[in-house]
Protein backbone atom coordinates (compact mmCIF):
# COMPACT_ATOMS: atom_id res chain seq x y z
CA MET A 1 33.32 -21.85 32.94
CA THR A 2 32.25 -18.82 30.98
CA SER A 3 29.14 -16.98 32.07
CA ILE A 4 26.95 -15.42 29.35
CA LYS A 5 24.10 -12.99 29.95
CA VAL A 6 21.49 -12.85 27.20
CA VAL A 7 18.63 -10.35 27.12
CA VAL A 8 15.64 -11.28 24.97
CA ALA A 9 13.60 -8.30 23.81
CA SER A 10 10.32 -9.84 24.99
CA LYS A 11 8.66 -11.25 28.09
CA ASN A 12 7.04 -13.95 25.92
CA PRO A 13 8.12 -17.31 27.40
CA VAL A 14 8.26 -18.88 23.92
CA LYS A 15 10.88 -16.37 22.76
CA ILE A 16 12.88 -16.66 25.99
CA ASN A 17 12.84 -20.48 25.89
CA CYS A 18 13.84 -20.83 22.23
CA THR A 19 16.68 -18.35 22.79
CA SER A 20 17.86 -20.26 25.85
CA GLN A 21 17.78 -23.54 23.92
CA ALA A 22 19.69 -22.10 20.96
CA PHE A 23 22.37 -20.49 23.14
CA SER A 24 22.73 -23.74 25.11
CA LYS A 25 23.48 -25.57 21.86
CA ALA A 26 25.84 -22.86 20.57
CA PHE A 27 27.70 -22.44 23.88
CA PRO A 28 27.34 -25.83 25.62
CA SER A 29 29.97 -25.20 28.29
CA ALA A 30 28.74 -21.73 29.28
CA ILE A 31 26.60 -20.83 32.25
CA LEU A 32 23.67 -18.95 30.73
CA ASP A 33 21.56 -16.22 32.25
CA VAL A 34 18.71 -15.60 29.78
CA GLN A 35 16.25 -12.86 30.73
CA GLY A 36 13.35 -11.18 29.01
CA VAL A 37 12.65 -7.47 28.92
CA SER A 38 9.61 -5.78 27.42
CA VAL A 39 10.71 -3.23 24.81
CA PRO A 40 9.03 -1.76 21.72
CA SER A 41 9.75 -2.81 18.15
CA ASN A 42 9.08 0.69 16.81
CA VAL A 43 7.20 -0.88 13.88
CA SER A 44 3.54 -1.84 13.39
CA ASP A 45 2.02 -4.30 15.85
CA GLN A 46 1.70 -6.60 12.83
CA PRO A 47 4.60 -5.99 10.43
CA MET A 48 3.31 -6.53 6.89
CA THR A 49 6.56 -6.78 4.91
CA ASP A 50 9.84 -8.62 5.15
CA ALA A 51 11.73 -5.33 5.53
CA GLU A 52 9.47 -4.02 8.32
CA THR A 53 9.75 -7.32 10.18
CA LEU A 54 13.57 -7.26 10.02
CA GLU A 55 13.54 -3.64 11.18
CA GLY A 56 11.35 -4.64 14.14
CA ALA A 57 13.75 -7.42 15.16
CA LYS A 58 16.74 -5.07 14.94
CA ASN A 59 14.91 -2.35 16.88
CA ARG A 60 13.96 -4.80 19.60
CA ALA A 61 17.58 -5.95 20.01
CA LYS A 62 18.79 -2.32 20.16
CA ASN A 63 16.08 -1.36 22.63
CA ALA A 64 16.92 -4.37 24.82
CA TRP A 65 20.56 -3.23 24.83
CA SER A 66 19.46 0.23 25.93
CA ALA A 67 17.26 -1.24 28.66
CA GLN A 68 19.89 -3.66 29.97
CA PRO A 69 23.37 -2.63 28.75
CA ASP A 70 25.20 -5.03 31.10
CA ALA A 71 24.47 -8.15 28.98
CA ASP A 72 26.68 -9.98 26.48
CA TYR A 73 23.98 -10.50 23.83
CA TRP A 74 20.65 -8.88 23.00
CA VAL A 75 18.09 -10.83 20.96
CA GLY A 76 15.17 -9.39 19.00
CA ILE A 77 12.55 -11.74 17.53
CA GLU A 78 9.84 -10.25 15.35
CA GLY A 79 7.08 -12.17 13.60
CA GLY A 80 5.78 -10.77 10.35
CA ILE A 81 3.74 -11.31 7.24
CA ASP A 82 4.41 -10.71 3.58
CA GLN A 83 1.86 -10.87 0.79
CA GLU A 84 2.89 -12.07 -2.63
CA SER A 85 0.91 -13.36 -5.60
CA GLY A 86 -2.35 -13.67 -3.68
CA THR A 87 -0.85 -15.57 -0.75
CA MET A 88 0.11 -14.40 2.72
CA GLU A 89 3.25 -15.85 4.29
CA ALA A 90 4.10 -15.83 7.98
CA PHE A 91 7.72 -15.85 9.21
CA ALA A 92 9.99 -14.23 11.78
CA TRP A 93 13.31 -12.42 11.79
CA ILE A 94 15.86 -12.84 14.56
CA SER A 95 18.45 -10.12 15.24
CA ILE A 96 21.26 -10.72 17.72
CA MET A 97 23.58 -7.97 18.85
CA GLY A 98 26.82 -8.51 20.72
CA LYS A 99 29.27 -5.96 22.00
CA THR A 100 31.32 -6.07 18.78
CA ASN A 101 29.26 -7.99 16.26
CA GLU A 102 25.71 -8.76 15.14
CA GLY A 103 23.88 -11.51 13.34
CA LYS A 104 20.49 -12.05 11.79
CA ALA A 105 18.47 -14.91 10.32
CA ARG A 106 14.96 -15.57 9.13
CA THR A 107 12.77 -18.55 9.90
CA ALA A 108 11.14 -20.63 7.22
CA SER A 109 7.84 -19.22 5.97
CA PHE A 110 4.42 -20.78 5.54
CA ASP A 111 1.18 -19.76 3.86
CA LEU A 112 -1.74 -18.68 5.98
CA PRO A 113 -5.28 -19.92 5.30
CA GLU A 114 -7.93 -17.60 3.84
CA LYS A 115 -9.86 -17.04 7.10
CA ILE A 116 -6.72 -15.77 8.82
CA ARG A 117 -5.63 -13.74 5.78
CA ALA A 118 -9.01 -11.99 5.72
CA LEU A 119 -8.76 -10.99 9.39
CA VAL A 120 -5.16 -9.79 9.02
CA ASN A 121 -6.18 -7.73 5.98
CA GLN A 122 -8.83 -6.12 8.22
CA GLY A 123 -6.07 -5.04 10.62
CA VAL A 124 -6.19 -7.91 13.13
CA GLU A 125 -2.77 -8.99 14.43
CA LEU A 126 -1.87 -12.60 13.47
CA GLY A 127 -1.96 -13.96 17.03
CA HIS A 128 -5.42 -12.51 17.62
CA ALA A 129 -6.61 -13.80 14.24
CA ASP A 130 -5.40 -17.31 15.20
CA ASP A 131 -7.30 -17.07 18.48
CA MET A 132 -10.46 -15.96 16.69
CA VAL A 133 -10.37 -18.62 13.95
CA PHE A 134 -9.27 -21.52 16.15
CA GLU A 135 -11.18 -20.43 19.29
CA ARG A 136 -8.08 -20.22 21.46
CA THR A 137 -6.67 -17.73 23.95
CA ASN A 138 -3.20 -16.16 23.74
CA SER A 139 -1.88 -18.71 21.24
CA LYS A 140 1.12 -16.50 20.47
CA GLN A 141 2.50 -17.33 23.91
CA GLY A 142 1.82 -20.99 23.18
CA ASN A 143 2.22 -22.93 19.99
CA GLY A 144 1.29 -20.01 17.69
CA ALA A 145 0.00 -20.21 14.13
CA VAL A 146 2.74 -22.64 13.14
CA GLY A 147 1.80 -25.03 15.94
CA ILE A 148 -1.90 -24.82 15.22
CA LEU A 149 -1.50 -25.26 11.44
CA THR A 150 0.96 -28.17 11.73
CA ASN A 151 -1.27 -29.93 14.27
CA GLY A 152 1.48 -29.58 16.87
CA LEU A 153 4.27 -31.04 14.74
CA ILE A 154 6.22 -27.77 15.02
CA ASP A 155 5.49 -25.43 17.89
CA ARG A 156 6.52 -21.80 17.97
CA ALA A 157 9.68 -22.37 20.04
CA ALA A 158 10.88 -25.18 17.76
CA TYR A 159 10.13 -22.96 14.76
CA TYR A 160 12.22 -20.03 16.07
CA GLU A 161 15.15 -21.96 17.57
CA PRO A 162 17.01 -22.87 14.33
CA ALA A 163 16.87 -19.24 13.18
CA VAL A 164 18.32 -18.11 16.54
CA VAL A 165 21.18 -20.59 16.01
CA LEU A 166 21.68 -19.28 12.45
CA ALA A 167 21.78 -15.70 13.73
CA LEU A 168 24.62 -16.79 16.03
CA ILE A 169 26.88 -17.78 13.10
CA PRO A 170 28.90 -14.51 13.16
CA PHE A 171 29.55 -15.05 16.89
CA LEU A 172 30.55 -18.68 16.43
CA ASN A 173 32.91 -17.74 13.58
CA GLN A 174 34.23 -14.37 14.68
CA GLU A 175 37.41 -14.73 12.62
CA LEU A 176 35.29 -14.81 9.45
CA TYR A 177 33.08 -11.87 10.37
């Protein structure tokens, strides 16, 4: 059996678990060692554009590689916001680096309600805004905005996992990339 070490650029259990689930699906016969490491994104605490969010995911993956260079894959997951035509969309970018290749993918996006938009526009990070509006604590390490707004139909891990799988496409099809 092949052994694969994956370093997730976060200690957040949601990000570690969704990465573990996605890698288990992509490499079902491998023995996985998925670990989290706390590294900076080198972008704003709350990225406010698509480009800044992607940059944060890439930076996290690179910084995880620097922190733990003995892995096979390094995964950066960065949640962000983009404002367009009076709405505010939430989404995340996933960046995966391997020793010879890299992949990226974006989650689906969803509109945020006015109360949360107002707080974010005042400089409050999305996770803290969720906690304030919905009277929760540390929701970003739980079901997150997506879980709260879908009444639990999609939690944060389930939301990220398909994008992690999509970011693995270049690794699953190396002859094409």
